[in-house]
Amino acid sequence: MRFLEMIERRACEFPEAVAQRTSTGSQLTYGELWHASGALAQELVRRNASRTDGGHAPVLVYGHKSPLMLVGMLACMRSGHPYVPVDAHSVPDERAASIARQLGEPIVLAAESLPAAVAVSPEGVLSAADIRAVAERPADAPNPAWQIAGEDLCYILFTSGSTGAPKGVEVTANCFDNFCGWDVELAGPVATLGAVWIDQAPFSFDLSVFELAGALATSGTLFSLEHDTQQDMEALLASLAESGAAVWVSTPSFADLCLVNAGFSQEMMPNLRLFLFCGETLANSTAAHLLERFPRARVLNTYGPTESTVAVTAVEITPQLAAAPEPLPVGSPRPGTRLRIVDAAGSDAEAGRPGEVVIEGDTVAHGYYGRDDLTRAAFGTASSAVPGAVSPARSYRTGDEGWLDESGTLHYHGRLDLQVKLNGFRIELGEIEEQLRRLPGVDAAAVTTRERDGKVSHLVAHVVYSGPRAEGESDFRLGLALKEQLKPVLPHYMVPKKIAFLNALPRTGNGKVDRRALKAL
C-alpha cells in the first residue's frame, strides 16, 4: 500500500489520534493533518496553474518542527509537487538561498520567517499565517489523480557538494513507498496505534524520513524535539522522559550526548523498545551502553546514503556483537536491494575484500536535481535484475568503502574520502576513533588532520573524557596516558600526535560530528 493511502486510512479510522506532538506543546491529529494538507494541496494546484515551468515544480518547505511542516510536505505530495525541506535552524541562510536559486522561482511554504537572503518573489511565499488560513477553509478532498505516484518525484533533499554548492537528491514516490514498507517491517510489533517515535533530526536530513514514514504509516505519533529543547540538556531529558516514546531514531552522536547523563535509562523511558540508528558509525561502546541501560530495547544498526532513500541494510546489535573487538556490522540488504563491492576498475571484489560500495535496487534515487553531469557520474541502471525489486532498479556508487562477508552482511569502513595519507601510510580515521572510544573513560572521540604544504602533517584526536584523573593531572599528561593505551592496538603512525579534550563534540544540525568545527579549534 502506498504511503498516502496509509495516511488517508489512518485519518478516516482514527481522526482524533495524534499524528504529531512537539516538545513545546503543539499537537496535530490525523484528521487535522489530512484536512489541512488537502486544502493546502488545492491551493498549490491553483497557484501553479499559470506557471510556465510545469505543474510539478518543486515546492520549498521552510521551517523546523512545527506541525505546519508536516501539513506542507503532505500537501506537496497530494498535489503532485516534490517537497524540498529546508530547516530553519541547521541550514545557514546563504545555503537556503543557494537551494532556492537552484529551484528557480519556487513556491515557498514558510512555517517560520523566511531569511532575507532567500530572494524569492513575495507573491510565491505562503507565510505561517497564510498556511493556517488556507488549512482552516472548508474544502473538498483534492483530486487523487494529482497525488505523486510511481516515478514522480516525492522529495528533493539537498546535501553537501564537493564544489561547495549543495546538490539536490531526487527521491521518487516509488523509492519512498518501497522504503516505507521496509521501515514498518523493521519496527515490527513496536509500530502500533499510538506508538510514539522520537523525531530529532531536521526534516532536511533524510534520517527524519525513518520516523516520519514509520510513525505516520502505522498510526503512530511523532514526538518532535524542538531546537531550543535540544540545546538545553535539562529540558531535553525532561522531554524524553515525558514523551512516552517506544521508538528512538537518531544518529549515534545524539545518543552519545544523552548517555553522558546517568539518568538516561529504561527507568526514564520505560516504553522504549527500539533504537534505530543511521547517518554515521555506531560505536561498539555506544551500543553496549544502550543495551545495558535499556534492557527491554533492541538496537538496530542501519546503513544507507541519501541517494538510496535513507537506509538499505539493517542488523540487530546483540550484547555479543557489541562486546566483540571488531567494529559493528551494518547489516544485510533490504528486499529489493543488492550490494556490490567493486575495485578501482569497477570489477566485483571477492567476499571479504574491501572496495567501494555500490547499491542497486528499487530505492535508489532518480539522480541530482538539475545536474545531469553529476547524475551520470554516480548513478546508472542495475547490472542485472534485482531480486525483490518492485519498481525500476537503479545503481549508485556511494564513495563508501566496505566489504561483504560470506553471509552477505556489509561491514562499513568509512568514507573513501576520509582516508588520508600520512608519511605514505594510508590511514582510515574511523579506525582510530573506534580504538579511542574503547578506552576506559572515553565517551566520544573524533580524529581530524592538520596540513602543511598541502600534505597531512599530523593527526589530532578530540576526546570527551569522564574517567578518573590523578590529582592535578593536566590535559597534556592525560593525553600521553591515552596515547600509551593506543600503542598496543594501533601502528605508531596512527597514534594521534595531539589529544584535545572537550566537554562535548560539536555537532552539525543533522546531529553528526562537525569535523569542520573541530579542525577550526
Protein backbone atom coordinates (compact mmCIF):
# COMPACT_ATOMS: atom_id res chain seq x y z
CA MET A 1 0.00 0.00 0.00
CA ARG A 2 1.26 3.50 -0.87
CA PHE A 3 2.19 5.90 1.92
CA LEU A 4 -0.56 8.40 1.08
CA GLU A 5 -3.15 5.63 1.11
CA MET A 6 -1.94 4.60 4.57
CA ILE A 7 -2.27 8.17 5.87
CA GLU A 8 -5.76 8.52 4.42
CA ARG A 9 -6.84 5.27 6.05
CA ARG A 10 -5.45 6.40 9.43
CA ALA A 11 -7.22 9.75 9.12
CA CYS A 12 -10.54 8.06 8.34
CA GLU A 13 -10.27 5.35 11.00
CA PHE A 14 -8.62 7.37 13.79
CA PRO A 15 -9.19 11.09 13.09
CA GLU A 16 -8.62 12.03 16.74
CA ALA A 17 -5.37 10.05 17.02
CA VAL A 18 -2.34 12.31 17.48
CA ALA A 19 -0.04 12.41 14.46
CA GLN A 20 2.48 14.85 15.95
CA ARG A 21 3.22 16.31 19.36
CA THR A 22 6.11 18.70 19.89
CA SER A 23 8.29 19.22 22.95
CA THR A 24 6.82 22.72 23.29
CA GLY A 25 3.21 21.52 23.39
CA SER A 26 1.91 21.84 19.81
CA GLN A 27 -0.27 18.99 18.59
CA LEU A 28 -1.77 17.76 15.32
CA THR A 29 -4.32 14.96 14.88
CA TYR A 30 -4.59 12.70 11.85
CA GLY A 31 -7.92 14.26 10.93
CA GLU A 32 -6.43 17.76 11.11
CA LEU A 33 -3.37 16.70 9.12
CA TRP A 34 -5.44 15.16 6.33
CA HIS A 35 -7.90 18.05 6.05
CA ALA A 36 -5.26 20.80 6.26
CA SER A 37 -2.93 19.13 3.76
CA GLY A 38 -5.84 18.61 1.36
CA ALA A 39 -6.88 22.26 1.50
CA LEU A 40 -3.28 23.37 1.02
CA ALA A 41 -2.83 20.91 -1.86
CA GLN A 42 -5.71 22.59 -3.70
CA GLU A 43 -4.11 25.99 -3.12
CA LEU A 44 -0.80 24.73 -4.54
CA VAL A 45 -2.56 23.42 -7.65
CA ARG A 46 -4.35 26.74 -8.08
CA ARG A 47 -1.13 28.73 -7.75
CA ASN A 48 0.72 26.52 -10.22
CA ALA A 49 -2.00 26.58 -12.90
CA SER A 50 -0.49 29.67 -14.53
CA ARG A 51 3.16 28.69 -14.15
CA THR A 52 5.26 28.09 -17.25
CA ASP A 53 7.68 25.59 -15.65
CA GLY A 54 5.21 22.74 -15.46
CA GLY A 55 2.63 21.64 -12.93
CA HIS A 56 5.04 19.58 -10.84
CA ALA A 57 7.62 22.21 -9.89
CA PRO A 58 9.37 21.65 -6.53
CA VAL A 59 7.99 23.50 -3.52
CA LEU A 60 10.39 24.75 -0.84
CA VAL A 61 9.09 23.99 2.67
CA TYR A 62 10.91 26.14 5.23
CA GLY A 63 10.77 25.73 9.00
CA HIS A 64 11.70 23.35 11.79
CA LYS A 65 9.40 21.04 13.76
CA SER A 66 6.14 22.98 13.52
CA PRO A 67 3.08 20.89 12.58
CA LEU A 68 2.84 23.22 9.58
CA MET A 69 5.91 21.45 8.18
CA LEU A 70 4.04 18.13 8.14
CA VAL A 71 1.00 19.79 6.60
CA GLY A 72 3.17 21.42 3.93
CA MET A 73 5.10 18.29 3.00
CA LEU A 74 1.94 16.18 2.77
CA ALA A 75 0.19 18.90 0.74
CA CYS A 76 3.01 18.77 -1.78
CA MET A 77 2.68 15.01 -2.12
CA ARG A 78 -1.10 15.29 -2.57
CA SER A 79 -0.79 17.99 -5.25
CA GLY A 80 1.92 16.30 -7.30
CA HIS A 81 4.81 18.50 -6.21
CA PRO A 82 8.12 17.27 -4.80
CA TYR A 83 8.77 18.98 -1.49
CA VAL A 84 12.17 20.46 -0.63
CA PRO A 85 12.55 20.69 3.17
CA VAL A 86 14.91 23.39 4.43
CA ASP A 87 15.47 23.52 8.19
CA ALA A 88 15.33 26.97 9.75
CA HIS A 89 17.95 26.20 12.41
CA SER A 90 20.54 23.89 10.85
CA VAL A 91 20.64 25.29 7.30
CA PRO A 92 22.54 28.61 7.08
CA ASP A 93 20.72 31.47 5.34
CA GLU A 94 23.13 31.56 2.40
CA ARG A 95 22.76 27.81 1.87
CA ALA A 96 18.98 28.19 1.91
CA ALA A 97 19.37 30.97 -0.66
CA SER A 98 21.54 28.72 -2.84
CA ILE A 99 18.88 26.00 -2.74
CA ALA A 100 16.16 28.49 -3.71
CA ARG A 101 18.27 29.72 -6.63
CA GLN A 102 18.75 26.18 -7.91
CA LEU A 103 14.99 25.64 -7.78
CA GLY A 104 14.38 28.72 -9.91
CA GLU A 105 11.43 30.68 -8.58
CA PRO A 106 9.78 28.16 -6.27
CA ILE A 107 6.61 28.49 -4.29
CA VAL A 108 7.68 28.63 -0.63
CA LEU A 109 5.70 27.33 2.32
CA ALA A 110 7.28 29.26 5.19
CA ALA A 111 6.32 27.72 8.52
CA GLU A 112 8.84 30.16 10.02
CA SER A 113 10.02 33.60 8.87
CA LEU A 114 11.98 33.33 5.65
CA PRO A 115 15.52 34.82 5.79
CA ALA A 116 16.08 37.95 3.72
CA ALA A 117 18.88 36.13 1.89
CA VAL A 118 16.31 33.84 0.27
CA ALA A 119 15.36 36.18 -2.54
CA VAL A 120 12.09 34.86 -3.94
CA SER A 121 9.03 36.68 -5.17
CA PRO A 122 6.78 37.66 -2.24
CA GLU A 123 3.80 36.50 -4.29
CA GLY A 124 5.23 33.00 -4.20
CA VAL A 125 5.56 32.80 -0.40
CA LEU A 126 2.86 31.47 1.90
CA SER A 127 3.64 32.51 5.46
CA ALA A 128 2.66 30.52 8.53
CA ALA A 129 -0.44 32.71 8.84
CA ASP A 130 -1.31 32.09 5.18
CA ILE A 131 -0.92 28.33 5.60
CA ARG A 132 -3.15 28.33 8.67
CA ALA A 133 -5.80 30.39 6.87
CA VAL A 134 -5.83 28.01 3.90
CA ALA A 135 -5.84 24.95 6.17
CA GLU A 136 -8.91 26.19 8.03
CA ARG A 137 -11.01 26.67 4.90
CA PRO A 138 -13.85 24.26 4.24
CA ALA A 139 -12.60 22.23 1.31
CA ASP A 140 -13.41 19.15 -0.68
CA ALA A 141 -10.72 16.49 -0.88
CA PRO A 142 -8.22 17.20 -3.67
CA ASN A 143 -8.33 15.08 -6.79
CA PRO A 144 -6.48 11.79 -6.01
CA ALA A 145 -5.11 11.90 -9.55
CA TRP A 146 -2.94 14.85 -8.51
CA GLN A 147 -1.01 12.75 -5.99
CA ILE A 148 2.58 11.77 -6.60
CA ALA A 149 2.91 8.16 -7.71
CA GLY A 150 5.37 5.83 -9.38
CA GLU A 151 8.38 7.64 -10.80
CA ASP A 152 7.08 11.11 -9.88
CA LEU A 153 9.49 12.92 -7.58
CA CYS A 154 8.43 12.76 -3.92
CA TYR A 155 11.05 14.99 -2.33
CA ILE A 156 14.40 16.61 -3.06
CA LEU A 157 16.97 16.70 -0.26
CA PHE A 158 19.99 18.93 -0.68
CA THR A 159 23.29 17.51 0.56
CA SER A 160 26.83 18.85 0.56
CA GLY A 161 28.51 19.03 -2.81
CA SER A 162 32.23 18.80 -3.48
CA THR A 163 32.10 22.11 -5.37
CA GLY A 164 30.70 23.90 -2.33
CA ALA A 165 27.18 24.20 -3.76
CA PRO A 166 24.56 21.84 -2.31
CA LYS A 167 23.21 19.18 -4.66
CA GLY A 168 19.61 18.00 -4.61
CA VAL A 169 18.90 14.27 -4.39
CA GLU A 170 15.68 13.38 -6.26
CA VAL A 171 13.73 10.66 -4.44
CA THR A 172 10.75 9.21 -6.31
CA ALA A 173 7.39 8.12 -4.95
CA ASN A 174 8.36 4.52 -5.71
CA CYS A 175 11.55 4.90 -3.66
CA PHE A 176 9.67 6.43 -0.75
CA ASP A 177 6.87 3.84 -0.76
CA ASN A 178 9.34 0.95 -1.04
CA PHE A 179 11.40 2.30 1.86
CA CYS A 180 8.27 2.92 3.93
CA GLY A 181 7.21 -0.72 3.68
CA TRP A 182 10.62 -1.88 4.91
CA ASP A 183 10.66 0.75 7.66
CA VAL A 184 7.41 -0.64 9.05
CA GLU A 185 8.81 -4.19 8.88
CA LEU A 186 11.90 -3.13 10.85
CA ALA A 187 9.78 -1.66 13.63
CA GLY A 188 7.66 -4.82 13.74
CA PRO A 189 5.27 -5.19 16.68
CA VAL A 190 6.52 -1.96 18.25
CA ALA A 191 4.77 0.04 15.50
CA THR A 192 1.24 0.05 16.90
CA LEU A 193 -1.58 2.58 17.06
CA GLY A 194 -0.37 5.49 19.18
CA ALA A 195 3.23 4.28 19.48
CA VAL A 196 5.47 7.31 19.95
CA TRP A 197 8.51 7.82 17.69
CA ILE A 198 11.25 10.26 18.68
CA ASP A 199 11.63 12.89 15.95
CA GLN A 200 15.01 14.56 16.46
CA ALA A 201 16.66 15.03 13.06
CA PRO A 202 15.77 18.09 10.96
CA PHE A 203 13.38 17.36 8.10
CA SER A 204 16.14 18.47 5.72
CA PHE A 205 18.18 15.45 6.89
CA ASP A 206 16.96 12.18 5.39
CA LEU A 207 17.26 10.37 8.72
CA SER A 208 13.99 12.10 9.63
CA VAL A 209 12.20 10.04 6.96
CA PHE A 210 12.75 6.98 9.19
CA GLU A 211 10.41 8.28 11.88
CA LEU A 212 8.14 10.27 9.59
CA ALA A 213 7.31 7.28 7.37
CA GLY A 214 7.33 4.71 10.16
CA ALA A 215 5.11 6.63 12.55
CA LEU A 216 2.56 8.05 10.12
CA ALA A 217 2.14 4.80 8.18
CA THR A 218 1.22 2.91 11.36
CA SER A 219 -0.98 5.45 13.19
CA GLY A 220 1.88 6.33 15.50
CA THR A 221 2.79 9.70 16.97
CA LEU A 222 5.83 11.78 16.12
CA PHE A 223 7.28 13.36 19.25
CA SER A 224 9.23 16.25 17.74
CA LEU A 225 12.12 17.68 19.72
CA GLU A 226 12.19 21.42 19.06
CA HIS A 227 15.50 23.21 18.54
CA ASP A 228 15.51 25.00 21.90
CA THR A 229 14.74 21.73 23.67
CA GLN A 230 17.72 20.04 22.04
CA GLN A 231 20.04 22.87 23.08
CA ASP A 232 19.19 22.53 26.80
CA MET A 233 20.20 19.18 28.30
CA GLU A 234 17.87 19.50 31.27
CA ALA A 235 14.92 20.34 29.01
CA LEU A 236 15.89 17.59 26.58
CA LEU A 237 15.96 14.89 29.25
CA ALA A 238 12.68 16.13 30.70
CA SER A 239 11.05 15.99 27.27
CA LEU A 240 12.36 12.49 26.60
CA ALA A 241 11.03 11.32 29.95
CA GLU A 242 7.63 12.85 29.20
CA SER A 243 7.45 11.60 25.61
CA GLY A 244 6.34 8.02 26.29
CA ALA A 245 8.48 7.04 23.29
CA ALA A 246 8.58 3.45 22.04
CA VAL A 247 10.91 4.05 19.06
CA TRP A 248 14.10 6.10 19.09
CA VAL A 249 15.53 7.36 15.79
CA SER A 250 18.74 9.41 15.73
CA THR A 251 22.39 9.49 14.85
CA PRO A 252 24.70 7.68 17.29
CA SER A 253 26.17 11.05 18.26
CA PHE A 254 22.83 12.22 19.64
CA ALA A 255 22.55 9.05 21.73
CA ASP A 256 26.11 9.59 22.99
CA LEU A 257 25.11 13.08 24.06
CA CYS A 258 22.25 11.65 26.13
CA LEU A 259 24.31 8.79 27.54
CA VAL A 260 26.61 11.26 29.28
CA ASN A 261 23.74 11.72 31.76
CA ALA A 262 23.43 8.72 34.07
CA GLY A 263 19.66 9.19 34.26
CA PHE A 264 19.22 8.34 30.59
CA SER A 265 17.90 4.80 31.06
CA GLN A 266 14.93 2.45 30.90
CA GLU A 267 13.64 3.93 34.14
CA MET A 268 13.44 7.34 32.46
CA MET A 269 11.86 5.96 29.26
CA PRO A 270 10.00 2.79 30.31
CA ASN A 271 8.14 2.34 27.00
CA LEU A 272 11.24 2.43 24.80
CA ARG A 273 11.60 -0.80 22.84
CA LEU A 274 13.65 0.05 19.75
CA PHE A 275 16.69 2.17 18.84
CA LEU A 276 17.14 2.83 15.11
CA PHE A 277 20.48 4.33 14.11
CA CYS A 278 21.68 5.67 10.79
CA GLY A 279 23.76 8.53 9.44
CA GLU A 280 27.14 7.70 10.95
CA THR A 281 29.13 4.87 12.52
CA LEU A 282 27.60 3.23 15.59
CA ALA A 283 30.40 2.53 18.06
CA ASN A 284 30.51 -0.75 19.97
CA SER A 285 30.66 1.19 23.22
CA THR A 286 27.53 3.20 22.39
CA ALA A 287 25.57 0.04 21.59
CA ALA A 288 26.86 -1.69 24.73
CA HIS A 289 25.86 1.23 26.97
CA LEU A 290 22.38 1.36 25.44
CA LEU A 291 21.80 -2.37 25.84
CA GLU A 292 22.89 -2.10 29.46
CA ARG A 293 20.79 0.99 30.23
CA PHE A 294 17.73 -0.17 28.25
CA PRO A 295 17.43 -3.93 28.79
CA ARG A 296 13.95 -4.08 27.20
CA ALA A 297 15.01 -2.34 23.98
CA ARG A 298 16.54 -3.66 20.76
CA VAL A 299 19.30 -1.78 18.93
CA LEU A 300 19.27 -1.77 15.12
CA ASN A 301 22.24 -0.50 13.14
CA THR A 302 21.43 0.58 9.59
CA TYR A 303 23.32 1.97 6.63
CA GLY A 304 22.49 3.95 3.54
CA PRO A 305 23.18 7.30 1.88
CA THR A 306 20.54 9.89 0.99
CA GLU A 307 20.84 8.69 -2.61
CA SER A 308 19.37 5.30 -1.67
CA THR A 309 16.42 6.66 0.37
CA VAL A 310 17.62 6.74 3.97
CA ALA A 311 18.89 3.17 4.53
CA VAL A 312 19.20 -0.15 2.73
CA THR A 313 20.75 -2.51 5.32
CA ALA A 314 19.99 -3.39 8.93
CA VAL A 315 21.27 -5.65 11.69
CA GLU A 316 20.25 -6.14 15.30
CA ILE A 317 23.15 -5.49 17.65
CA THR A 318 23.39 -8.09 20.39
CA PRO A 319 25.49 -7.80 23.55
CA GLN A 320 27.88 -10.30 21.95
CA LEU A 321 28.36 -8.15 18.84
CA ALA A 322 28.80 -5.03 20.97
CA ALA A 323 31.49 -6.73 23.07
CA ALA A 324 33.42 -8.07 20.06
CA PRO A 325 36.77 -6.49 19.17
CA GLU A 326 35.65 -5.84 15.58
CA PRO A 327 33.61 -2.77 14.59
CA LEU A 328 29.89 -3.39 14.32
CA PRO A 329 28.49 -4.64 11.00
CA VAL A 330 25.83 -2.55 9.28
CA GLY A 331 23.70 -5.46 8.18
CA SER A 332 22.11 -7.27 5.28
CA PRO A 333 20.28 -5.55 2.42
CA ARG A 334 16.53 -5.00 2.43
CA PRO A 335 14.37 -6.85 -0.12
CA GLY A 336 14.72 -5.19 -3.50
CA THR A 337 18.32 -4.13 -2.84
CA ARG A 338 21.59 -5.70 -3.95
CA LEU A 339 25.02 -4.63 -2.71
CA ARG A 340 28.15 -4.88 -4.80
CA ILE A 341 31.73 -4.22 -3.73
CA VAL A 342 33.86 -3.01 -6.62
CA ASP A 343 37.55 -2.29 -7.01
CA ALA A 344 39.07 0.79 -8.61
CA ALA A 345 38.45 -0.70 -12.06
CA GLY A 346 34.78 -1.28 -11.31
CA SER A 347 35.10 -5.08 -11.11
CA ASP A 348 33.34 -7.05 -8.38
CA ALA A 349 35.60 -7.86 -5.43
CA GLU A 350 35.71 -11.26 -3.78
CA ALA A 351 33.91 -11.81 -0.47
CA GLY A 352 36.00 -10.34 2.32
CA ARG A 353 37.89 -7.93 0.07
CA PRO A 354 37.25 -4.20 0.62
CA GLY A 355 36.18 -1.86 -2.11
CA GLU A 356 33.62 0.79 -2.98
CA VAL A 357 30.03 0.01 -2.01
CA VAL A 358 27.62 0.12 -4.96
CA ILE A 359 23.90 -0.01 -4.17
CA GLU A 360 21.46 -1.42 -6.72
CA GLY A 361 17.73 -1.53 -6.14
CA ASP A 362 14.27 -0.01 -6.07
CA THR A 363 15.04 2.71 -3.53
CA VAL A 364 18.00 4.25 -5.42
CA ALA A 365 17.17 7.87 -6.21
CA HIS A 366 16.48 9.25 -9.68
CA GLY A 367 19.56 11.49 -9.67
CA TYR A 368 20.65 15.02 -8.77
CA TYR A 369 18.28 17.89 -9.46
CA GLY A 370 19.39 19.88 -12.50
CA ARG A 371 22.81 18.20 -12.56
CA ASP A 372 22.89 15.64 -15.33
CA ASP A 373 26.69 15.62 -15.17
CA LEU A 374 26.75 14.55 -11.53
CA THR A 375 23.92 12.08 -12.12
CA ARG A 376 25.81 10.36 -14.95
CA ALA A 377 28.93 10.09 -12.78
CA ALA A 378 27.24 8.45 -9.78
CA PHE A 379 24.01 6.81 -10.97
CA GLY A 380 23.21 4.14 -13.53
CA THR A 381 20.99 1.17 -14.20
CA ALA A 382 21.33 -2.02 -12.18
CA SER A 383 23.83 -4.51 -13.60
CA SER A 384 21.07 -7.15 -13.78
CA ALA A 385 17.60 -7.82 -12.38
CA VAL A 386 17.49 -7.22 -8.62
CA PRO A 387 15.55 -9.91 -6.71
CA GLY A 388 12.58 -8.45 -4.87
CA ALA A 389 12.60 -5.11 -6.68
CA VAL A 390 9.04 -3.92 -7.31
CA SER A 391 9.87 -0.79 -9.33
CA PRO A 392 12.75 0.37 -11.58
CA ALA A 393 16.12 -0.59 -10.10
CA ARG A 394 18.97 1.87 -10.41
CA SER A 395 22.56 1.80 -9.17
CA TYR A 396 24.53 4.30 -7.12
CA ARG A 397 28.27 4.48 -6.42
CA THR A 398 28.42 5.55 -2.79
CA GLY A 399 32.03 6.62 -2.30
CA ASP A 400 31.96 4.46 0.85
CA GLU A 401 34.42 1.65 1.49
CA GLY A 402 33.20 -1.67 2.83
CA TRP A 403 33.24 -5.42 2.40
CA LEU A 404 30.76 -8.26 2.35
CA ASP A 405 31.30 -11.37 4.42
CA GLU A 406 30.28 -14.86 3.33
CA SER A 407 26.75 -14.37 4.66
CA GLY A 408 26.25 -11.17 2.64
CA THR A 409 26.48 -8.87 5.66
CA LEU A 410 28.01 -5.48 4.93
CA HIS A 411 30.91 -4.18 7.00
CA TYR A 412 31.46 -0.45 6.63
CA HIS A 413 34.97 1.00 6.62
CA GLY A 414 34.10 4.67 6.25
CA ARG A 415 34.24 7.24 3.52
CA LEU A 416 36.86 6.74 0.86
CA ASP A 417 37.41 10.48 1.07
CA LEU A 418 38.05 10.19 4.84
CA GLN A 419 41.06 8.06 4.15
CA VAL A 420 44.23 10.09 4.48
CA LYS A 421 47.87 9.54 3.68
CA LEU A 422 50.44 10.35 6.37
CA ASN A 423 54.09 9.81 5.52
CA GLY A 424 52.98 7.41 2.79
CA PHE A 425 50.75 5.33 5.06
CA ARG A 426 47.05 5.07 4.21
CA ILE A 427 45.01 5.74 7.34
CA GLU A 428 41.27 5.35 8.00
CA LEU A 429 40.38 7.93 10.63
CA GLY A 430 37.37 5.90 11.72
CA GLU A 431 39.62 3.07 12.87
CA ILE A 432 41.48 5.40 15.22
CA GLU A 433 38.20 6.81 16.53
CA GLU A 434 36.92 3.31 17.23
CA GLN A 435 40.01 2.42 19.27
CA LEU A 436 39.80 5.69 21.20
CA ARG A 437 36.16 5.02 22.10
CA ARG A 438 37.16 1.65 23.52
CA LEU A 439 39.48 3.23 26.08
CA PRO A 440 38.10 3.43 29.65
CA GLY A 441 36.63 6.84 30.37
CA VAL A 442 36.37 7.94 26.74
CA ASP A 443 32.74 8.85 25.98
CA ALA A 444 33.23 10.16 22.44
CA ALA A 445 36.08 10.75 20.02
CA ALA A 446 36.77 12.19 16.58
CA VAL A 447 40.04 12.49 14.69
CA THR A 448 40.99 15.27 12.28
CA THR A 449 44.10 16.10 10.30
CA ARG A 450 46.43 19.06 10.22
CA GLU A 451 48.10 20.01 6.96
CA ARG A 452 51.36 21.67 5.99
CA ASP A 453 52.44 22.42 2.43
CA GLY A 454 49.40 20.63 1.05
CA LYS A 455 50.10 17.38 2.89
CA VAL A 456 48.86 15.85 6.12
CA SER A 457 51.45 16.66 8.79
CA HIS A 458 49.84 15.02 11.83
CA LEU A 459 46.63 13.76 13.44
CA VAL A 460 44.63 15.38 16.24
CA ALA A 461 42.20 13.42 18.42
CA HIS A 462 39.29 15.28 20.01
CA VAL A 463 38.05 13.41 23.06
CA VAL A 464 35.21 13.67 25.56
CA TYR A 465 36.55 12.08 28.74
CA SER A 466 34.74 11.33 32.00
CA GLY A 467 37.09 8.79 33.56
CA PRO A 468 39.29 9.15 36.62
CA ARG A 469 42.20 11.60 36.66
CA ALA A 470 45.12 11.81 39.01
CA GLU A 471 45.06 14.83 41.30
CA GLY A 472 46.43 17.80 39.43
CA GLU A 473 46.83 15.80 36.21
CA SER A 474 46.99 18.14 33.22
CA ASP A 475 45.31 17.51 29.87
CA PHE A 476 48.77 17.02 28.41
CA ARG A 477 49.61 14.22 30.87
CA LEU A 478 46.23 12.58 30.42
CA GLY A 479 46.70 12.72 26.66
CA LEU A 480 50.06 10.99 26.98
CA ALA A 481 48.42 8.25 29.06
CA LEU A 482 45.73 7.67 26.43
CA LYS A 483 48.33 7.53 23.67
CA GLU A 484 50.20 4.86 25.62
CA GLN A 485 46.99 2.81 25.72
CA LEU A 486 46.62 3.18 21.94
CA LYS A 487 50.11 1.95 21.11
CA PRO A 488 49.35 -1.77 21.62
CA VAL A 489 46.38 -1.64 19.22
CA LEU A 490 47.45 0.87 16.55
CA PRO A 491 50.56 1.25 14.40
CA HIS A 492 52.75 4.12 15.55
CA TYR A 493 51.81 6.28 12.56
CA MET A 494 48.10 6.06 13.52
CA VAL A 495 48.56 7.27 17.10
CA PRO A 496 47.47 10.95 17.14
CA LYS A 497 50.20 13.47 17.79
CA LYS A 498 47.87 15.56 19.93
CA ILE A 499 44.82 14.76 22.05
CA ALA A 500 42.50 17.66 22.82
CA PHE A 501 39.80 17.33 25.49
CA LEU A 502 36.30 18.78 25.05
CA ASN A 503 33.13 18.79 27.11
CA ALA A 504 31.22 17.67 24.01
CA LEU A 505 31.94 17.14 20.34
CA PRO A 506 30.41 19.86 18.14
CA ARG A 507 27.57 18.58 16.01
CA THR A 508 26.06 19.73 12.73
CA GLY A 509 22.38 20.50 12.51
CA ASN A 510 21.90 16.92 11.32
CA GLY A 511 23.35 15.55 14.54
CA LYS A 512 26.62 14.34 13.02
CA VAL A 513 30.05 15.23 14.36
CA ASP A 514 31.04 18.62 12.91
CA ARG A 515 34.54 17.90 11.62
CA ARG A 516 34.96 21.36 10.13
CA ALA A 517 34.34 22.93 13.53
CA LEU A 518 36.86 20.55 15.10
CA LYS A 519 39.52 21.47 12.56
CA ALA A 520 38.92 25.14 13.30
CA LEU A 521 39.62 24.70 17.04
